[in-house]
Amino acid sequence: MGIVEEAHNVKVLGSGDQIIVLAHGFGTDQSVWKHLVPYLVEDYRVVLYDNMGAGTTNPDYFDFNRYATLEGYAYDLLAILEELQIESCIFVGHSVSCMIGAMASISRPDLFTKIVMISGSPRYLNDVDYFGGFEQEDLDQLFEAMQSNYKAWCSGFAPLAVGGDMESVAVQEFSRTLFNMRPDIALSVAQTIFQSDMRQILSLVTVPCHIIQSMKDLAVPVVVSEYLHRNIVGDSIVEVMSSDGHLPQLSSPDTVIPVLLRHIRQNIAQ
């Protein structure tokens, strides 16, 4: 196993000619895909990995400068594909990994046959003529709460992000992976993500994008999926699901898995 693979806890499962790469979002790790993976392994080779900073990675490897922008994560993704000698993949990204995949695809479009985006956003802050869902004041309060008592913040944030029942297994699961992150790393990652503005890269994304979104999501208003659809220069399609929350593949697998499988298997009709 190579250095990059080991650092990112890379796992390769299943068999098939086509390769699917699954990339998680903030506060989770590759376990967020546990409901989807069993449906893929018979037909595809499935690559799972953890973003640097996830609670499952070695905190000593987290370079605060490298990961002060999303580019650091895009370079990691390209390094993983290179080390595994992957020449082409279907990339399924959740949350921040949607933009990480999009960014990686700009420099190496040949490596990506399509990108499936779940709960993705190019910018979380509201702007003139753009609704991201947050004001700067909201974000400042969020960062302050993370800094003052990380465990308490996790307990409050998890049910809001997941949506639905506060006692649900999905809320407990997200609380667990959030709390596994080292607090200073979690704060730094949250600041990088929530303050990012990826709108300018969308006009450079030529790989087909399947944009999938929950009807109700604390972090990403539904209008954002339409914004992505309008501004990505390559072919794109949007599907808004009846699910609730930012981690629908974890909280509403019965609704979400069939939708994901359809977008993985079918291409955008010309």
C-alpha atoms as a PDB file:
ATOM      1  CA  MET A   1       0.000   0.000   0.000  1.00  0.00           C
ATOM      2  CA  GLY A   2       1.322   3.420  -0.956  1.00  0.00           C
ATOM      3  CA  ILE A   3       1.850   6.376   1.367  1.00  0.00           C
ATOM      4  CA  VAL A   4      -1.160   8.284   0.046  1.00  0.00           C
ATOM      5  CA  GLU A   5      -3.443   5.248   0.309  1.00  0.00           C
ATOM      6  CA  GLU A   6      -2.379   4.588   3.877  1.00  0.00           C
ATOM      7  CA  ALA A   7      -2.806   8.210   4.965  1.00  0.00           C
ATOM      8  CA  HIS A   8      -6.349   8.328   3.539  1.00  0.00           C
ATOM      9  CA  ASN A   9      -7.383   4.824   4.681  1.00  0.00           C
ATOM     10  CA  VAL A  10      -8.094   3.863   1.070  1.00  0.00           C
ATOM     11  CA  LYS A  11     -10.173   0.714   0.584  1.00  0.00           C
ATOM     12  CA  VAL A  12     -10.890  -0.933  -2.773  1.00  0.00           C
ATOM     13  CA  LEU A  13     -13.866  -3.302  -2.794  1.00  0.00           C
ATOM     14  CA  GLY A  14     -15.841  -5.259  -5.350  1.00  0.00           C
ATOM     15  CA  SER A  15     -15.110  -6.161  -8.915  1.00  0.00           C
ATOM     16  CA  GLY A  16     -16.023  -4.789 -12.296  1.00  0.00           C
ATOM     17  CA  ASP A  17     -14.548  -2.845 -15.168  1.00  0.00           C
ATOM     18  CA  GLN A  18     -15.873   0.509 -14.027  1.00  0.00           C
ATOM     19  CA  ILE A  19     -14.495   2.253 -10.966  1.00  0.00           C
ATOM     20  CA  ILE A  20     -16.573   4.330  -8.564  1.00  0.00           C
ATOM     21  CA  VAL A  21     -14.855   6.663  -6.117  1.00  0.00           C
ATOM     22  CA  LEU A  22     -16.903   7.659  -3.044  1.00  0.00           C
ATOM     23  CA  ALA A  23     -15.867  10.857  -1.239  1.00  0.00           C
ATOM     24  CA  HIS A  24     -17.428  12.016   2.034  1.00  0.00           C
ATOM     25  CA  GLY A  25     -18.172  15.494   3.393  1.00  0.00           C
ATOM     26  CA  PHE A  26     -17.364  17.480   6.546  1.00  0.00           C
ATOM     27  CA  GLY A  27     -17.631  15.719   9.881  1.00  0.00           C
ATOM     28  CA  THR A  28     -17.951  12.225   8.450  1.00  0.00           C
ATOM     29  CA  ASP A  29     -15.657   9.546   7.039  1.00  0.00           C
ATOM     30  CA  GLN A  30     -16.049   6.736   4.507  1.00  0.00           C
ATOM     31  CA  SER A  31     -18.549   4.953   6.800  1.00  0.00           C
ATOM     32  CA  VAL A  32     -21.184   7.462   5.608  1.00  0.00           C
ATOM     33  CA  TRP A  33     -21.486   5.274   2.454  1.00  0.00           C
ATOM     34  CA  LYS A  34     -22.289   2.058   4.340  1.00  0.00           C
ATOM     35  CA  HIS A  35     -25.842   1.803   2.954  1.00  0.00           C
ATOM     36  CA  LEU A  36     -24.735   2.377  -0.655  1.00  0.00           C
ATOM     37  CA  VAL A  37     -21.627   0.175  -0.901  1.00  0.00           C
ATOM     38  CA  PRO A  38     -23.416  -3.233  -0.805  1.00  0.00           C
ATOM     39  CA  TYR A  39     -25.376  -2.241  -3.933  1.00  0.00           C
ATOM     40  CA  LEU A  40     -22.214  -1.376  -5.872  1.00  0.00           C
ATOM     41  CA  VAL A  41     -19.668  -4.098  -5.134  1.00  0.00           C
ATOM     42  CA  GLU A  42     -21.160  -6.705  -7.492  1.00  0.00           C
ATOM     43  CA  ASP A  43     -20.895  -4.500 -10.584  1.00  0.00           C
ATOM     44  CA  TYR A  44     -18.137  -1.986  -9.834  1.00  0.00           C
ATOM     45  CA  ARG A  45     -14.768  -1.597  -8.224  1.00  0.00           C
ATOM     46  CA  VAL A  46     -15.473   0.786  -5.361  1.00  0.00           C
ATOM     47  CA  VAL A  47     -12.814   3.083  -3.941  1.00  0.00           C
ATOM     48  CA  LEU A  48     -13.427   4.559  -0.496  1.00  0.00           C
ATOM     49  CA  TYR A  49     -11.161   7.051   1.239  1.00  0.00           C
ATOM     50  CA  ASP A  50     -11.135   9.549   4.094  1.00  0.00           C
ATOM     51  CA  ASN A  51     -10.455  13.244   3.633  1.00  0.00           C
ATOM     52  CA  MET A  52      -7.490  14.443   5.636  1.00  0.00           C
ATOM     53  CA  GLY A  53      -8.741  15.830   8.941  1.00  0.00           C
ATOM     54  CA  ALA A  54     -11.461  13.199   9.352  1.00  0.00           C
ATOM     55  CA  GLY A  55     -11.370  11.570  12.790  1.00  0.00           C
ATOM     56  CA  THR A  56     -10.123   8.335  11.210  1.00  0.00           C
ATOM     57  CA  THR A  57      -6.974   9.991   9.778  1.00  0.00           C
ATOM     58  CA  ASN A  58      -3.739  10.745  11.604  1.00  0.00           C
ATOM     59  CA  PRO A  59      -4.019  14.348  12.867  1.00  0.00           C
ATOM     60  CA  ASP A  60      -0.244  14.741  12.460  1.00  0.00           C
ATOM     61  CA  TYR A  61      -0.750  14.598   8.684  1.00  0.00           C
ATOM     62  CA  PHE A  62      -3.165  17.533   8.720  1.00  0.00           C
ATOM     63  CA  ASP A  63      -1.294  20.505   7.272  1.00  0.00           C
ATOM     64  CA  PHE A  64      -3.255  23.634   8.217  1.00  0.00           C
ATOM     65  CA  ASN A  65      -1.761  25.615   5.327  1.00  0.00           C
ATOM     66  CA  ARG A  66      -2.370  22.939   2.692  1.00  0.00           C
ATOM     67  CA  TYR A  67      -6.007  22.575   3.749  1.00  0.00           C
ATOM     68  CA  ALA A  68      -6.713  26.288   4.155  1.00  0.00           C
ATOM     69  CA  THR A  69      -8.258  26.041   0.670  1.00  0.00           C
ATOM     70  CA  LEU A  70     -10.163  23.214  -1.019  1.00  0.00           C
ATOM     71  CA  GLU A  71      -7.337  22.815  -3.535  1.00  0.00           C
ATOM     72  CA  GLY A  72      -5.356  20.774  -0.995  1.00  0.00           C
ATOM     73  CA  TYR A  73      -8.146  18.186  -0.975  1.00  0.00           C
ATOM     74  CA  ALA A  74      -8.393  18.184  -4.790  1.00  0.00           C
ATOM     75  CA  TYR A  75      -4.641  17.455  -5.010  1.00  0.00           C
ATOM     76  CA  ASP A  76      -5.143  14.590  -2.528  1.00  0.00           C
ATOM     77  CA  LEU A  77      -7.899  13.106  -4.689  1.00  0.00           C
ATOM     78  CA  LEU A  78      -5.698  13.272  -7.794  1.00  0.00           C
ATOM     79  CA  ALA A  79      -2.816  11.705  -5.840  1.00  0.00           C
ATOM     80  CA  ILE A  80      -5.050   8.807  -4.750  1.00  0.00           C
ATOM     81  CA  LEU A  81      -6.219   8.197  -8.339  1.00  0.00           C
ATOM     82  CA  GLU A  82      -2.610   8.303  -9.513  1.00  0.00           C
ATOM     83  CA  GLU A  83      -1.344   5.921  -6.846  1.00  0.00           C
ATOM     84  CA  LEU A  84      -4.147   3.439  -7.633  1.00  0.00           C
ATOM     85  CA  GLN A  85      -3.420   3.896 -11.359  1.00  0.00           C
ATOM     86  CA  ILE A  86      -7.050   4.793 -12.049  1.00  0.00           C
ATOM     87  CA  GLU A  87      -7.501   6.132 -15.562  1.00  0.00           C
ATOM     88  CA  SER A  88     -11.254   6.760 -15.397  1.00  0.00           C
ATOM     89  CA  CYS A  89     -13.893   6.798 -12.667  1.00  0.00           C
ATOM     90  CA  ILE A  90     -17.402   7.774 -11.715  1.00  0.00           C
ATOM     91  CA  PHE A  91     -16.906  10.177  -8.821  1.00  0.00           C
ATOM     92  CA  VAL A  92     -19.626  10.395  -6.162  1.00  0.00           C
ATOM     93  CA  GLY A  93     -19.044  13.326  -3.819  1.00  0.00           C
ATOM     94  CA  HIS A  94     -20.989  14.378  -0.756  1.00  0.00           C
ATOM     95  CA  SER A  95     -21.149  17.970   0.499  1.00  0.00           C
ATOM     96  CA  VAL A  96     -17.717  19.640   0.212  1.00  0.00           C
ATOM     97  CA  SER A  97     -16.429  16.719  -1.865  1.00  0.00           C
ATOM     98  CA  CYS A  98     -18.726  17.817  -4.712  1.00  0.00           C
ATOM     99  CA  MET A  99     -16.558  20.905  -5.191  1.00  0.00           C
ATOM    100  CA  ILE A 100     -13.352  18.953  -4.507  1.00  0.00           C
ATOM    101  CA  GLY A 101     -14.264  16.541  -7.305  1.00  0.00           C
ATOM    102  CA  ALA A 102     -15.278  19.395  -9.607  1.00  0.00           C
ATOM    103  CA  MET A 103     -11.954  21.133  -9.002  1.00  0.00           C
ATOM    104  CA  ALA A 104      -9.957  17.945  -9.619  1.00  0.00           C
ATOM    105  CA  SER A 105     -11.921  17.357 -12.840  1.00  0.00           C
ATOM    106  CA  ILE A 106     -10.894  20.752 -14.227  1.00  0.00           C
ATOM    107  CA  SER A 107      -7.211  19.840 -14.214  1.00  0.00           C
ATOM    108  CA  ARG A 108      -7.792  16.191 -15.211  1.00  0.00           C
ATOM    109  CA  PRO A 109     -11.160  15.821 -17.005  1.00  0.00           C
ATOM    110  CA  ASP A 110      -9.896  12.561 -18.547  1.00  0.00           C
ATOM    111  CA  LEU A 111     -10.050  10.862 -15.128  1.00  0.00           C
ATOM    112  CA  PHE A 112     -13.764  11.483 -14.566  1.00  0.00           C
ATOM    113  CA  THR A 113     -16.569  10.041 -16.704  1.00  0.00           C
ATOM    114  CA  LYS A 114     -19.138  11.813 -14.519  1.00  0.00           C
ATOM    115  CA  ILE A 115     -19.545  13.475 -11.143  1.00  0.00           C
ATOM    116  CA  VAL A 116     -22.520  12.675  -8.941  1.00  0.00           C
ATOM    117  CA  MET A 117     -22.984  15.505  -6.432  1.00  0.00           C
ATOM    118  CA  ILE A 118     -25.009  15.010  -3.249  1.00  0.00           C
ATOM    119  CA  SER A 119     -25.816  18.083  -1.134  1.00  0.00           C
ATOM    120  CA  GLY A 120     -23.152  20.178  -2.873  1.00  0.00           C
ATOM    121  CA  SER A 121     -22.735  23.941  -2.740  1.00  0.00           C
ATOM    122  CA  PRO A 122     -20.271  26.323  -4.388  1.00  0.00           C
ATOM    123  CA  ARG A 123     -20.792  28.958  -1.677  1.00  0.00           C
ATOM    124  CA  TYR A 124     -22.549  28.901   1.697  1.00  0.00           C
ATOM    125  CA  LEU A 125     -22.620  32.652   2.271  1.00  0.00           C
ATOM    126  CA  ASN A 126     -25.368  34.810   0.841  1.00  0.00           C
ATOM    127  CA  ASP A 127     -24.226  37.390  -1.684  1.00  0.00           C
ATOM    128  CA  VAL A 128     -25.774  39.921  -4.030  1.00  0.00           C
ATOM    129  CA  ASP A 129     -28.056  37.879  -6.313  1.00  0.00           C
ATOM    130  CA  TYR A 130     -26.990  34.643  -4.637  1.00  0.00           C
ATOM    131  CA  PHE A 131     -28.674  32.720  -1.814  1.00  0.00           C
ATOM    132  CA  GLY A 132     -26.251  30.357  -0.080  1.00  0.00           C
ATOM    133  CA  GLY A 133     -28.260  30.048   3.128  1.00  0.00           C
ATOM    134  CA  PHE A 134     -25.941  31.761   5.635  1.00  0.00           C
ATOM    135  CA  GLU A 135     -25.036  35.300   6.666  1.00  0.00           C
ATOM    136  CA  GLN A 136     -21.514  35.982   7.939  1.00  0.00           C
ATOM    137  CA  GLU A 137     -22.958  36.496  11.421  1.00  0.00           C
ATOM    138  CA  ASP A 138     -24.410  32.946  11.359  1.00  0.00           C
ATOM    139  CA  LEU A 139     -21.017  31.513  10.463  1.00  0.00           C
ATOM    140  CA  ASP A 140     -19.185  33.571  13.093  1.00  0.00           C
ATOM    141  CA  GLN A 141     -21.574  32.219  15.737  1.00  0.00           C
ATOM    142  CA  LEU A 142     -21.053  28.675  14.474  1.00  0.00           C
ATOM    143  CA  PHE A 143     -17.250  28.998  14.651  1.00  0.00           C
ATOM    144  CA  GLU A 144     -17.456  30.581  18.100  1.00  0.00           C
ATOM    145  CA  ALA A 145     -19.634  27.733  19.389  1.00  0.00           C
ATOM    146  CA  MET A 146     -17.186  25.161  17.993  1.00  0.00           C
ATOM    147  CA  GLN A 147     -14.318  26.915  19.713  1.00  0.00           C
ATOM    148  CA  SER A 148     -15.914  27.359  23.107  1.00  0.00           C
ATOM    149  CA  ASN A 149     -17.258  23.820  23.624  1.00  0.00           C
ATOM    150  CA  TYR A 150     -16.738  21.426  20.750  1.00  0.00           C
ATOM    151  CA  LYS A 151     -18.584  18.469  22.261  1.00  0.00           C
ATOM    152  CA  ALA A 152     -21.669  20.566  23.049  1.00  0.00           C
ATOM    153  CA  TRP A 153     -21.556  22.035  19.540  1.00  0.00           C
ATOM    154  CA  CYS A 154     -21.447  18.530  17.996  1.00  0.00           C
ATOM    155  CA  SER A 155     -24.478  17.455  20.014  1.00  0.00           C
ATOM    156  CA  GLY A 156     -26.436  20.485  18.823  1.00  0.00           C
ATOM    157  CA  PHE A 157     -25.247  20.563  15.207  1.00  0.00           C
ATOM    158  CA  ALA A 158     -25.691  16.862  14.373  1.00  0.00           C
ATOM    159  CA  PRO A 159     -29.518  16.742  14.642  1.00  0.00           C
ATOM    160  CA  LEU A 160     -29.841  20.034  12.747  1.00  0.00           C
ATOM    161  CA  ALA A 161     -27.658  18.822   9.893  1.00  0.00           C
ATOM    162  CA  VAL A 162     -29.154  15.338   9.678  1.00  0.00           C
ATOM    163  CA  GLY A 163     -32.759  16.501  10.129  1.00  0.00           C
ATOM    164  CA  GLY A 164     -35.625  14.354  11.352  1.00  0.00           C
ATOM    165  CA  ASP A 165     -35.606  12.572  14.692  1.00  0.00           C
ATOM    166  CA  MET A 166     -33.027  13.702  17.245  1.00  0.00           C
ATOM    167  CA  GLU A 167     -32.703  10.153  18.568  1.00  0.00           C
ATOM    168  CA  SER A 168     -32.172   8.550  15.169  1.00  0.00           C
ATOM    169  CA  VAL A 169     -29.270   6.224  14.397  1.00  0.00           C
ATOM    170  CA  ALA A 170     -28.135   8.651  11.671  1.00  0.00           C
ATOM    171  CA  VAL A 171     -27.881  11.519  14.197  1.00  0.00           C
ATOM    172  CA  GLN A 172     -25.919   9.304  16.585  1.00  0.00           C
ATOM    173  CA  GLU A 173     -23.656   8.214  13.739  1.00  0.00           C
ATOM    174  CA  PHE A 174     -22.962  11.778  12.568  1.00  0.00           C
ATOM    175  CA  SER A 175     -22.390  12.913  16.187  1.00  0.00           C
ATOM    176  CA  ARG A 176     -19.838  10.104  16.559  1.00  0.00           C
ATOM    177  CA  THR A 177     -17.830  10.946  13.421  1.00  0.00           C
ATOM    178  CA  LEU A 178     -18.007  14.698  14.153  1.00  0.00           C
ATOM    179  CA  PHE A 179     -16.764  14.181  17.680  1.00  0.00           C
ATOM    180  CA  ASN A 180     -13.936  11.955  16.398  1.00  0.00           C
ATOM    181  CA  MET A 181     -12.337  14.986  14.744  1.00  0.00           C
ATOM    182  CA  ARG A 182      -9.750  16.888  16.716  1.00  0.00           C
ATOM    183  CA  PRO A 183     -11.524  20.153  17.668  1.00  0.00           C
ATOM    184  CA  ASP A 184      -8.891  22.532  16.246  1.00  0.00           C
ATOM    185  CA  ILE A 185      -8.849  20.595  12.974  1.00  0.00           C
ATOM    186  CA  ALA A 186     -12.654  20.511  12.823  1.00  0.00           C
ATOM    187  CA  LEU A 187     -12.779  24.301  13.273  1.00  0.00           C
ATOM    188  CA  SER A 188     -10.169  24.887  10.587  1.00  0.00           C
ATOM    189  CA  VAL A 189     -11.959  22.561   8.123  1.00  0.00           C
ATOM    190  CA  ALA A 190     -15.332  24.173   8.860  1.00  0.00           C
ATOM    191  CA  GLN A 191     -13.876  27.653   8.279  1.00  0.00           C
ATOM    192  CA  THR A 192     -12.293  26.588   4.980  1.00  0.00           C
ATOM    193  CA  ILE A 193     -15.532  25.030   3.731  1.00  0.00           C
ATOM    194  CA  PHE A 194     -18.051  27.608   4.926  1.00  0.00           C
ATOM    195  CA  GLN A 195     -15.944  30.583   3.779  1.00  0.00           C
ATOM    196  CA  SER A 196     -15.140  29.046   0.388  1.00  0.00           C
ATOM    197  CA  ASP A 197     -16.445  30.484  -2.868  1.00  0.00           C
ATOM    198  CA  MET A 198     -16.222  28.074  -5.782  1.00  0.00           C
ATOM    199  CA  ARG A 199     -18.674  29.846  -8.066  1.00  0.00           C
ATOM    200  CA  GLN A 200     -15.930  30.978 -10.436  1.00  0.00           C
ATOM    201  CA  ILE A 201     -14.797  27.401 -11.199  1.00  0.00           C
ATOM    202  CA  LEU A 202     -18.197  26.154 -12.383  1.00  0.00           C
ATOM    203  CA  SER A 203     -17.713  27.595 -15.857  1.00  0.00           C
ATOM    204  CA  LEU A 204     -14.613  25.373 -16.190  1.00  0.00           C
ATOM    205  CA  VAL A 205     -16.306  22.081 -15.259  1.00  0.00           C
ATOM    206  CA  THR A 206     -16.832  20.112 -18.482  1.00  0.00           C
ATOM    207  CA  VAL A 207     -17.461  16.638 -17.023  1.00  0.00           C
ATOM    208  CA  PRO A 208     -21.179  15.643 -16.851  1.00  0.00           C
ATOM    209  CA  CYS A 209     -22.614  16.403 -13.393  1.00  0.00           C
ATOM    210  CA  HIS A 210     -25.603  14.761 -11.709  1.00  0.00           C
ATOM    211  CA  ILE A 211     -26.767  17.144  -8.962  1.00  0.00           C
ATOM    212  CA  ILE A 212     -28.789  15.477  -6.206  1.00  0.00           C
ATOM    213  CA  GLN A 213     -30.281  17.381  -3.317  1.00  0.00           C
ATOM    214  CA  SER A 214     -32.652  16.963  -0.345  1.00  0.00           C
ATOM    215  CA  MET A 215     -35.837  18.985  -0.395  1.00  0.00           C
ATOM    216  CA  LYS A 216     -34.890  20.304   3.033  1.00  0.00           C
ATOM    217  CA  ASP A 217     -31.242  20.806   3.990  1.00  0.00           C
ATOM    218  CA  LEU A 218     -29.936  23.105   6.728  1.00  0.00           C
ATOM    219  CA  ALA A 219     -26.654  23.667   4.880  1.00  0.00           C
ATOM    220  CA  VAL A 220     -27.780  23.855   1.245  1.00  0.00           C
ATOM    221  CA  PRO A 221     -31.011  25.539   0.111  1.00  0.00           C
ATOM    222  CA  VAL A 222     -32.710  23.876  -2.875  1.00  0.00           C
ATOM    223  CA  VAL A 223     -32.031  26.930  -5.084  1.00  0.00           C
ATOM    224  CA  VAL A 224     -28.309  26.101  -4.883  1.00  0.00           C
ATOM    225  CA  SER A 225     -28.799  22.926  -6.921  1.00  0.00           C
ATOM    226  CA  GLU A 226     -30.437  25.022  -9.648  1.00  0.00           C
ATOM    227  CA  TYR A 227     -27.538  27.486  -9.462  1.00  0.00           C
ATOM    228  CA  LEU A 228     -25.056  24.632 -10.001  1.00  0.00           C
ATOM    229  CA  HIS A 229     -27.128  23.333 -12.909  1.00  0.00           C
ATOM    230  CA  ARG A 230     -27.223  26.750 -14.597  1.00  0.00           C
ATOM    231  CA  ASN A 231     -23.543  27.558 -14.102  1.00  0.00           C
ATOM    232  CA  ILE A 232     -21.701  24.286 -14.715  1.00  0.00           C
ATOM    233  CA  VAL A 233     -20.627  24.526 -18.329  1.00  0.00           C
ATOM    234  CA  GLY A 234     -20.781  20.785 -19.060  1.00  0.00           C
ATOM    235  CA  ASP A 235     -23.981  18.710 -19.203  1.00  0.00           C
ATOM    236  CA  SER A 236     -25.820  18.589 -15.898  1.00  0.00           C
ATOM    237  CA  ILE A 237     -29.076  17.342 -14.457  1.00  0.00           C
ATOM    238  CA  VAL A 238     -30.804  18.069 -11.113  1.00  0.00           C
ATOM    239  CA  GLU A 239     -32.921  15.810  -8.954  1.00  0.00           C
ATOM    240  CA  VAL A 240     -34.476  17.080  -5.727  1.00  0.00           C
ATOM    241  CA  MET A 241     -35.443  14.193  -3.455  1.00  0.00           C
ATOM    242  CA  SER A 242     -38.182  14.070  -0.858  1.00  0.00           C
ATOM    243  CA  SER A 243     -35.514  13.436   1.806  1.00  0.00           C
ATOM    244  CA  ASP A 244     -34.773  15.699   4.762  1.00  0.00           C
ATOM    245  CA  GLY A 245     -31.280  16.746   5.811  1.00  0.00           C
ATOM    246  CA  HIS A 246     -27.714  17.205   4.634  1.00  0.00           C
ATOM    247  CA  LEU A 247     -26.682  13.524   4.874  1.00  0.00           C
ATOM    248  CA  PRO A 248     -29.581  11.784   3.112  1.00  0.00           C
ATOM    249  CA  GLN A 249     -27.514   8.728   2.127  1.00  0.00           C
ATOM    250  CA  LEU A 250     -27.158   8.075   5.872  1.00  0.00           C
ATOM    251  CA  SER A 251     -30.551   9.239   7.169  1.00  0.00           C
ATOM    252  CA  SER A 252     -32.924   8.246   4.326  1.00  0.00           C
ATOM    253  CA  PRO A 253     -31.237   5.359   2.498  1.00  0.00           C
ATOM    254  CA  ASP A 254     -34.529   3.865   1.262  1.00  0.00           C
ATOM    255  CA  THR A 255     -35.272   7.078  -0.622  1.00  0.00           C
ATOM    256  CA  VAL A 256     -31.750   7.994  -1.628  1.00  0.00           C
ATOM    257  CA  ILE A 257     -30.001   4.758  -2.622  1.00  0.00           C
ATOM    258  CA  PRO A 258     -32.312   4.047  -5.616  1.00  0.00           C
ATOM    259  CA  VAL A 259     -31.816   7.630  -6.830  1.00  0.00           C
ATOM    260  CA  LEU A 260     -28.041   7.392  -6.481  1.00  0.00           C
ATOM    261  CA  LEU A 261     -27.906   4.039  -8.280  1.00  0.00           C
ATOM    262  CA  ARG A 262     -29.964   5.430 -11.154  1.00  0.00           C
ATOM    263  CA  HIS A 263     -27.637   8.413 -11.582  1.00  0.00           C
ATOM    264  CA  ILE A 264     -24.545   6.210 -11.310  1.00  0.00           C
ATOM    265  CA  ARG A 265     -25.844   3.762 -13.931  1.00  0.00           C
ATOM    266  CA  GLN A 266     -27.542   6.135 -16.352  1.00  0.00           C
ATOM    267  CA  ASN A 267     -25.961   8.972 -18.285  1.00  0.00           C
ATOM    268  CA  ILE A 268     -27.588  12.305 -19.009  1.00  0.00           C
ATOM    269  CA  ALA A 269     -29.811  11.910 -22.061  1.00  0.00           C
ATOM    270  CA  GLN A 270     -28.571  14.032 -24.936  1.00  0.00           C
END
